[in-house]
PDB file of N, CA and C in Angstrom:
ATOM      1  N   MET A   1     -72.510 -18.977 164.265  1.00  0.00           N
ATOM      2  CA  MET A   1     -73.544 -18.162 164.863  1.00  0.00           C
ATOM      3  C   MET A   1     -73.188 -16.705 164.605  1.00  0.00           C
ATOM      4  N   SER A   2     -74.103 -15.995 163.982  1.00  0.00           N
ATOM      5  CA  SER A   2     -73.855 -14.602 163.657  1.00  0.00           C
ATOM      6  C   SER A   2     -74.930 -13.731 164.295  1.00  0.00           C
ATOM      7  N   ILE A   3     -74.513 -12.903 165.224  1.00  0.00           N
ATOM      8  CA  ILE A   3     -75.436 -11.996 165.900  1.00  0.00           C
ATOM      9  C   ILE A   3     -74.677 -10.707 166.199  1.00  0.00           C
ATOM     10  N   THR A   4     -75.362  -9.598 166.111  1.00  0.00           N
ATOM     11  CA  THR A   4     -74.715  -8.313 166.350  1.00  0.00           C
ATOM     12  C   THR A   4     -74.877  -7.887 167.806  1.00  0.00           C
ATOM     13  N   LYS A   5     -74.053  -6.924 168.207  1.00  0.00           N
ATOM     14  CA  LYS A   5     -74.177  -6.373 169.561  1.00  0.00           C
ATOM     15  C   LYS A   5     -75.560  -5.762 169.757  1.00  0.00           C
ATOM     16  N   ALA A   6     -76.062  -5.104 168.712  1.00  0.00           N
ATOM     17  CA  ALA A   6     -77.386  -4.462 168.806  1.00  0.00           C
ATOM     18  C   ALA A   6     -78.485  -5.495 169.034  1.00  0.00           C
ATOM     19  N   GLU A   7     -78.393  -6.646 168.374  1.00  0.00           N
ATOM     20  CA  GLU A   7     -79.395  -7.704 168.561  1.00  0.00           C
ATOM     21  C   GLU A   7     -79.336  -8.268 169.978  1.00  0.00           C
ATOM     22  N   ILE A   8     -78.141  -8.459 170.490  1.00  0.00           N
ATOM     23  CA  ILE A   8     -77.985  -8.953 171.858  1.00  0.00           C
ATOM     24  C   ILE A   8     -78.549  -7.928 172.840  1.00  0.00           C
ATOM     25  N   PHE A   9     -78.214  -6.657 172.646  1.00  0.00           N
ATOM     26  CA  PHE A   9     -78.707  -5.588 173.515  1.00  0.00           C
ATOM     27  C   PHE A   9     -80.232  -5.568 173.529  1.00  0.00           C
ATOM     28  N   GLU A  10     -80.847  -5.694 172.355  1.00  0.00           N
ATOM     29  CA  GLU A  10     -82.312  -5.686 172.252  1.00  0.00           C
ATOM     30  C   GLU A  10     -82.923  -6.846 173.031  1.00  0.00           C
ATOM     31  N   LYS A  11     -82.333  -8.026 172.899  1.00  0.00           N
ATOM     32  CA  LYS A  11     -82.855  -9.203 173.601  1.00  0.00           C
ATOM     33  C   LYS A  11     -82.710  -9.047 175.122  1.00  0.00           C
ATOM     34  N   LEU A  12     -81.597  -8.518 175.570  1.00  0.00           N
ATOM     35  CA  LEU A  12     -81.402  -8.317 177.009  1.00  0.00           C
ATOM     36  C   LEU A  12     -82.356  -7.253 177.548  1.00  0.00           C
ATOM     37  N   SER A  13     -82.596  -6.223 176.766  1.00  0.00           N
ATOM     38  CA  SER A  13     -83.532  -5.174 177.184  1.00  0.00           C
ATOM     39  C   SER A  13     -84.927  -5.741 177.384  1.00  0.00           C
ATOM     40  N   THR A  14     -85.295  -6.706 176.563  1.00  0.00           N
ATOM     41  CA  THR A  14     -86.601  -7.354 176.685  1.00  0.00           C
ATOM     42  C   THR A  14     -86.707  -8.123 178.001  1.00  0.00           C
ATOM     43  N   LEU A  15     -85.629  -8.759 178.427  1.00  0.00           N
ATOM     44  CA  LEU A  15     -85.655  -9.533 179.674  1.00  0.00           C
ATOM     45  C   LEU A  15     -85.995  -8.669 180.882  1.00  0.00           C
ATOM     46  N   ILE A  16     -85.531  -7.441 180.876  1.00  0.00           N
ATOM     47  CA  ILE A  16     -85.738  -6.548 182.011  1.00  0.00           C
ATOM     48  C   ILE A  16     -87.220  -6.245 182.214  1.00  0.00           C
ATOM     49  N   GLU A  17     -88.007  -6.339 181.159  1.00  0.00           N
ATOM     50  CA  GLU A  17     -89.428  -6.010 181.227  1.00  0.00           C
ATOM     51  C   GLU A  17     -90.251  -7.033 182.010  1.00  0.00           C
ATOM     52  N   TYR A  18     -89.723  -8.227 182.226  1.00  0.00           N
ATOM     53  CA  TYR A  18     -90.457  -9.253 182.959  1.00  0.00           C
ATOM     54  C   TYR A  18     -90.371  -8.972 184.454  1.00  0.00           C
ATOM     55  N   GLU A  19     -91.493  -8.631 185.043  1.00  0.00           N
ATOM     56  CA  GLU A  19     -91.544  -8.274 186.460  1.00  0.00           C
ATOM     57  C   GLU A  19     -91.416  -9.510 187.350  1.00  0.00           C
ATOM     58  N   SER A  20     -90.703  -9.364 188.437  1.00  0.00           N
ATOM     59  CA  SER A  20     -90.603 -10.389 189.485  1.00  0.00           C
ATOM     60  C   SER A  20     -90.208 -11.761 188.963  1.00  0.00           C
ATOM     61  N   THR A  21     -89.306 -11.783 188.016  1.00  0.00           N
ATOM     62  CA  THR A  21     -88.910 -13.048 187.412  1.00  0.00           C
ATOM     63  C   THR A  21     -87.395 -13.114 187.286  1.00  0.00           C
ATOM     64  N   ASP A  22     -86.833 -14.255 187.639  1.00  0.00           N
ATOM     65  CA  ASP A  22     -85.436 -14.524 187.337  1.00  0.00           C
ATOM     66  C   ASP A  22     -85.417 -15.391 186.092  1.00  0.00           C
ATOM     67  N   ILE A  23     -84.557 -15.059 185.154  1.00  0.00           N
ATOM     68  CA  ILE A  23     -84.548 -15.725 183.855  1.00  0.00           C
ATOM     69  C   ILE A  23     -83.156 -16.276 183.581  1.00  0.00           C
ATOM     70  N   THR A  24     -83.101 -17.482 183.022  1.00  0.00           N
ATOM     71  CA  THR A  24     -81.840 -18.083 182.606  1.00  0.00           C
ATOM     72  C   THR A  24     -81.955 -18.526 181.159  1.00  0.00           C
ATOM     73  N   HIS A  25     -80.965 -18.141 180.356  1.00  0.00           N
ATOM     74  CA  HIS A  25     -80.863 -18.598 178.970  1.00  0.00           C
ATOM     75  C   HIS A  25     -79.508 -19.269 178.826  1.00  0.00           C
ATOM     76  N   THR A  26     -79.476 -20.385 178.120  1.00  0.00           N
ATOM     77  CA  THR A  26     -78.223 -21.093 177.901  1.00  0.00           C
ATOM     78  C   THR A  26     -78.064 -21.416 176.428  1.00  0.00           C
ATOM     79  N   ILE A  27     -76.883 -21.131 175.899  1.00  0.00           N
ATOM     80  CA  ILE A  27     -76.492 -21.630 174.585  1.00  0.00           C
ATOM     81  C   ILE A  27     -75.550 -22.780 174.910  1.00  0.00           C
ATOM     82  N   PRO A  28     -76.001 -24.025 174.702  1.00  0.00           N
ATOM     83  CA  PRO A  28     -75.235 -25.192 175.148  1.00  0.00           C
ATOM     84  C   PRO A  28     -73.758 -25.130 174.755  1.00  0.00           C
ATOM     85  N   ASN A  29     -72.926 -25.413 175.719  1.00  0.00           N
ATOM     86  CA  ASN A  29     -71.474 -25.467 175.576  1.00  0.00           C
ATOM     87  C   ASN A  29     -70.826 -24.119 175.282  1.00  0.00           C
ATOM     88  N   LEU A  30     -71.596 -23.020 175.314  1.00  0.00           N
ATOM     89  CA  LEU A  30     -71.021 -21.716 175.005  1.00  0.00           C
ATOM     90  C   LEU A  30     -71.173 -20.704 176.134  1.00  0.00           C
ATOM     91  N   VAL A  31     -72.414 -20.327 176.425  1.00  0.00           N
ATOM     92  CA  VAL A  31     -72.627 -19.244 177.382  1.00  0.00           C
ATOM     93  C   VAL A  31     -73.955 -19.422 178.114  1.00  0.00           C
ATOM     94  N   LYS A  32     -73.951 -19.014 179.387  1.00  0.00           N
ATOM     95  CA  LYS A  32     -75.185 -19.005 180.174  1.00  0.00           C
ATOM     96  C   LYS A  32     -75.414 -17.575 180.648  1.00  0.00           C
ATOM     97  N   LEU A  33     -76.645 -17.115 180.480  1.00  0.00           N
ATOM     98  CA  LEU A  33     -77.029 -15.779 180.903  1.00  0.00           C
ATOM     99  C   LEU A  33     -78.129 -15.894 181.936  1.00  0.00           C
ATOM    100  N   GLU A  34     -77.941 -15.242 183.057  1.00  0.00           N
ATOM    101  CA  GLU A  34     -78.976 -15.209 184.091  1.00  0.00           C
ATOM    102  C   GLU A  34     -79.297 -13.752 184.385  1.00  0.00           C
ATOM    103  N   TYR A  35     -80.601 -13.451 184.495  1.00  0.00           N
ATOM    104  CA  TYR A  35     -81.018 -12.109 184.891  1.00  0.00           C
ATOM    105  C   TYR A  35     -81.774 -12.217 186.200  1.00  0.00           C
ATOM    106  N   SER A  36     -81.333 -11.459 187.184  1.00  0.00           N
ATOM    107  CA  SER A  36     -81.984 -11.435 188.491  1.00  0.00           C
ATOM    108  C   SER A  36     -82.755 -10.131 188.627  1.00  0.00           C
ATOM    109  N   GLN A  37     -84.069 -10.247 188.700  1.00  0.00           N
ATOM    110  CA  GLN A  37     -84.907  -9.062 188.877  1.00  0.00           C
ATOM    111  C   GLN A  37     -84.615  -8.413 190.230  1.00  0.00           C
ATOM    112  N   GLU A  38     -84.412  -9.240 191.259  1.00  0.00           N
ATOM    113  CA  GLU A  38     -84.145  -8.717 192.605  1.00  0.00           C
ATOM    114  C   GLU A  38     -82.875  -7.869 192.639  1.00  0.00           C
ATOM    115  N   ASP A  39     -81.803  -8.393 192.040  1.00  0.00           N
ATOM    116  CA  ASP A  39     -80.528  -7.674 192.019  1.00  0.00           C
ATOM    117  C   ASP A  39     -80.435  -6.690 190.861  1.00  0.00           C
ATOM    118  N   GLN A  40     -81.337  -6.825 189.913  1.00  0.00           N
ATOM    119  CA  GLN A  40     -81.310  -6.056 188.670  1.00  0.00           C
ATOM    120  C   GLN A  40     -79.938  -6.158 188.022  1.00  0.00           C
ATOM    121  N   SER A  41     -79.502  -7.415 187.871  1.00  0.00           N
ATOM    122  CA  SER A  41     -78.190  -7.655 187.282  1.00  0.00           C
ATOM    123  C   SER A  41     -78.225  -8.871 186.368  1.00  0.00           C
ATOM    124  N   PHE A  42     -77.287  -8.857 185.432  1.00  0.00           N
ATOM    125  CA  PHE A  42     -77.072  -9.988 184.544  1.00  0.00           C
ATOM    126  C   PHE A  42     -75.829 -10.717 185.024  1.00  0.00           C
ATOM    127  N   GLN A  43     -75.860 -12.047 185.012  1.00  0.00           N
ATOM    128  CA  GLN A  43     -74.647 -12.820 185.230  1.00  0.00           C
ATOM    129  C   GLN A  43     -74.376 -13.571 183.941  1.00  0.00           C
ATOM    130  N   VAL A  44     -73.181 -13.368 183.404  1.00  0.00           N
ATOM    131  CA  VAL A  44     -72.777 -14.009 182.160  1.00  0.00           C
ATOM    132  C   VAL A  44     -71.683 -15.007 182.502  1.00  0.00           C
ATOM    133  N   THR A  45     -71.908 -16.265 182.125  1.00  0.00           N
ATOM    134  CA  THR A  45     -70.951 -17.330 182.400  1.00  0.00           C
ATOM    135  C   THR A  45     -70.503 -17.961 181.098  1.00  0.00           C
ATOM    136  N   SER A  46     -69.200 -18.009 180.883  1.00  0.00           N
ATOM    137  CA  SER A  46     -68.646 -18.728 179.739  1.00  0.00           C
ATOM    138  C   SER A  46     -68.615 -20.201 180.114  1.00  0.00           C
ATOM    139  N   LEU A  47     -69.292 -21.027 179.350  1.00  0.00           N
ATOM    140  CA  LEU A  47     -69.334 -22.455 179.667  1.00  0.00           C
ATOM    141  C   LEU A  47     -68.088 -23.189 179.193  1.00  0.00           C
ATOM    142  N   THR A  48     -67.220 -22.513 178.456  1.00  0.00           N
ATOM    143  CA  THR A  48     -65.982 -23.154 178.028  1.00  0.00           C
ATOM    144  C   THR A  48     -64.916 -23.123 179.111  1.00  0.00           C
ATOM    145  N   ASN A  49     -64.926 -22.059 179.937  1.00  0.00           N
ATOM    146  CA  ASN A  49     -63.907 -21.977 180.988  1.00  0.00           C
ATOM    147  C   ASN A  49     -64.488 -21.730 182.385  1.00  0.00           C
ATOM    148  N   GLY A  50     -65.807 -21.573 182.475  1.00  0.00           N
ATOM    149  CA  GLY A  50     -66.467 -21.421 183.765  1.00  0.00           C
ATOM    150  C   GLY A  50     -66.402 -20.035 184.377  1.00  0.00           C
ATOM    151  N   SER A  51     -65.768 -19.085 183.695  1.00  0.00           N
ATOM    152  CA  SER A  51     -65.685 -17.743 184.273  1.00  0.00           C
ATOM    153  C   SER A  51     -67.052 -17.070 184.249  1.00  0.00           C
ATOM    154  N   ALA A  52     -67.375 -16.387 185.343  1.00  0.00           N
ATOM    155  CA  ALA A  52     -68.674 -15.721 185.473  1.00  0.00           C
ATOM    156  C   ALA A  52     -68.457 -14.305 185.988  1.00  0.00           C
ATOM    157  N   ARG A  53     -69.236 -13.377 185.430  1.00  0.00           N
ATOM    158  CA  ARG A  53     -69.182 -11.987 185.885  1.00  0.00           C
ATOM    159  C   ARG A  53     -70.583 -11.424 185.935  1.00  0.00           C
ATOM    160  N   SER A  54     -70.792 -10.501 186.854  1.00  0.00           N
ATOM    161  CA  SER A  54     -72.079  -9.814 186.964  1.00  0.00           C
ATOM    162  C   SER A  54     -71.985  -8.450 186.302  1.00  0.00           C
ATOM    163  N   TYR A  55     -73.090  -8.064 185.665  1.00  0.00           N
ATOM    164  CA  TYR A  55     -73.175  -6.772 184.983  1.00  0.00           C
ATOM    165  C   TYR A  55     -74.470  -6.104 185.411  1.00  0.00           C
ATOM    166  N   TYR A  56     -74.392  -4.817 185.666  1.00  0.00           N
ATOM    167  CA  TYR A  56     -75.559  -4.093 186.161  1.00  0.00           C
ATOM    168  C   TYR A  56     -76.180  -3.184 185.110  1.00  0.00           C
ATOM    169  N   ASP A  57     -75.695  -3.295 183.878  1.00  0.00           N
ATOM    170  CA  ASP A  57     -76.321  -2.558 182.792  1.00  0.00           C
ATOM    171  C   ASP A  57     -76.338  -3.431 181.538  1.00  0.00           C
ATOM    172  N   THR A  58     -77.320  -3.173 180.712  1.00  0.00           N
ATOM    173  CA  THR A  58     -77.553  -3.993 179.526  1.00  0.00           C
ATOM    174  C   THR A  58     -76.405  -3.902 178.532  1.00  0.00           C
ATOM    175  N   LYS A  59     -75.846  -2.724 178.367  1.00  0.00           N
ATOM    176  CA  LYS A  59     -74.767  -2.547 177.391  1.00  0.00           C
ATOM    177  C   LYS A  59     -73.551  -3.402 177.745  1.00  0.00           C
ATOM    178  N   SER A  60     -73.122  -3.369 178.990  1.00  0.00           N
ATOM    179  CA  SER A  60     -71.953  -4.158 179.407  1.00  0.00           C
ATOM    180  C   SER A  60     -72.208  -5.653 179.273  1.00  0.00           C
ATOM    181  N   ALA A  61     -73.402  -6.097 179.643  1.00  0.00           N
ATOM    182  CA  ALA A  61     -73.739  -7.519 179.530  1.00  0.00           C
ATOM    183  C   ALA A  61     -73.766  -7.955 178.073  1.00  0.00           C
ATOM    184  N   SER A  62     -74.340  -7.138 177.201  1.00  0.00           N
ATOM    185  CA  SER A  62     -74.407  -7.516 175.785  1.00  0.00           C
ATOM    186  C   SER A  62     -73.016  -7.545 175.164  1.00  0.00           C
ATOM    187  N   GLU A  63     -72.145  -6.623 175.565  1.00  0.00           N
ATOM    188  CA  GLU A  63     -70.770  -6.635 175.056  1.00  0.00           C
ATOM    189  C   GLU A  63     -70.017  -7.879 175.524  1.00  0.00           C
ATOM    190  N   ALA A  64     -70.246  -8.296 176.762  1.00  0.00           N
ATOM    191  CA  ALA A  64     -69.594  -9.505 177.279  1.00  0.00           C
ATOM    192  C   ALA A  64     -70.048 -10.739 176.507  1.00  0.00           C
ATOM    193  N   ILE A  65     -71.344 -10.843 176.263  1.00  0.00           N
ATOM    194  CA  ILE A  65     -71.868 -11.985 175.507  1.00  0.00           C
ATOM    195  C   ILE A  65     -71.322 -11.972 174.087  1.00  0.00           C
ATOM    196  N   TYR A  66     -71.318 -10.817 173.459  1.00  0.00           N
ATOM    197  CA  TYR A  66     -70.802 -10.696 172.092  1.00  0.00           C
ATOM    198  C   TYR A  66     -69.336 -11.132 172.036  1.00  0.00           C
ATOM    199  N   THR A  67     -68.553 -10.696 173.006  1.00  0.00           N
ATOM    200  CA  THR A  67     -67.135 -11.065 173.048  1.00  0.00           C
ATOM    201  C   THR A  67     -66.965 -12.572 173.184  1.00  0.00           C
ATOM    202  N   ILE A  68     -67.736 -13.188 174.069  1.00  0.00           N
ATOM    203  CA  ILE A  68     -67.653 -14.644 174.234  1.00  0.00           C
ATOM    204  C   ILE A  68     -68.010 -15.344 172.929  1.00  0.00           C
ATOM    205  N   LEU A  69     -69.104 -14.938 172.303  1.00  0.00           N
ATOM    206  CA  LEU A  69     -69.555 -15.603 171.077  1.00  0.00           C
ATOM    207  C   LEU A  69     -68.581 -15.408 169.925  1.00  0.00           C
ATOM    208  N   THR A  70     -68.034 -14.204 169.769  1.00  0.00           N
ATOM    209  CA  THR A  70     -67.109 -13.979 168.658  1.00  0.00           C
ATOM    210  C   THR A  70     -65.770 -14.659 168.904  1.00  0.00           C
ATOM    211  N   THR A  71     -65.315 -14.684 170.148  1.00  0.00           N
ATOM    212  CA  THR A  71     -64.064 -15.374 170.466  1.00  0.00           C
ATOM    213  C   THR A  71     -64.202 -16.867 170.212  1.00  0.00           C
ATOM    214  N   LEU A  72     -65.317 -17.432 170.625  1.00  0.00           N
ATOM    215  CA  LEU A  72     -65.543 -18.859 170.399  1.00  0.00           C
ATOM    216  C   LEU A  72     -65.679 -19.155 168.917  1.00  0.00           C
ATOM    217  N   GLY A  73     -66.318 -18.261 168.176  1.00  0.00           N
ATOM    218  CA  GLY A  73     -66.471 -18.451 166.737  1.00  0.00           C
ATOM    219  C   GLY A  73     -65.136 -18.507 166.025  1.00  0.00           C
ATOM    220  N   GLU A  74     -64.170 -17.721 166.494  1.00  0.00           N
ATOM    221  CA  GLU A  74     -62.837 -17.723 165.901  1.00  0.00           C
ATOM    222  C   GLU A  74     -62.094 -19.013 166.209  1.00  0.00           C
ATOM    223  N   ASN A  75     -62.426 -19.641 167.326  1.00  0.00           N
ATOM    224  CA  ASN A  75     -61.714 -20.847 167.748  1.00  0.00           C
ATOM    225  C   ASN A  75     -62.381 -22.140 167.306  1.00  0.00           C
ATOM    226  N   LEU A  76     -63.536 -22.045 166.646  1.00  0.00           N
ATOM    227  CA  LEU A  76     -64.231 -23.267 166.213  1.00  0.00           C
ATOM    228  C   LEU A  76     -63.674 -23.773 164.910  1.00  0.00           C
TER     229      LEU A  76
END
């Protein structure tokens, strides 16, 4: 899987535009992303080890996702 930080950032920025909606995206066995409109935060969960963190800005969330994906890519 090859994706850049800029592409991830763009996709996350699009999620914020959905009013009054909580959104969940999952890449099976890799990462789960949840966006809470109420909290205006992203929760990024690594499905390989279960660690989850909340991010309140798009840049930090996209960097976390990129790190998970590139780290997993090196270990596959």
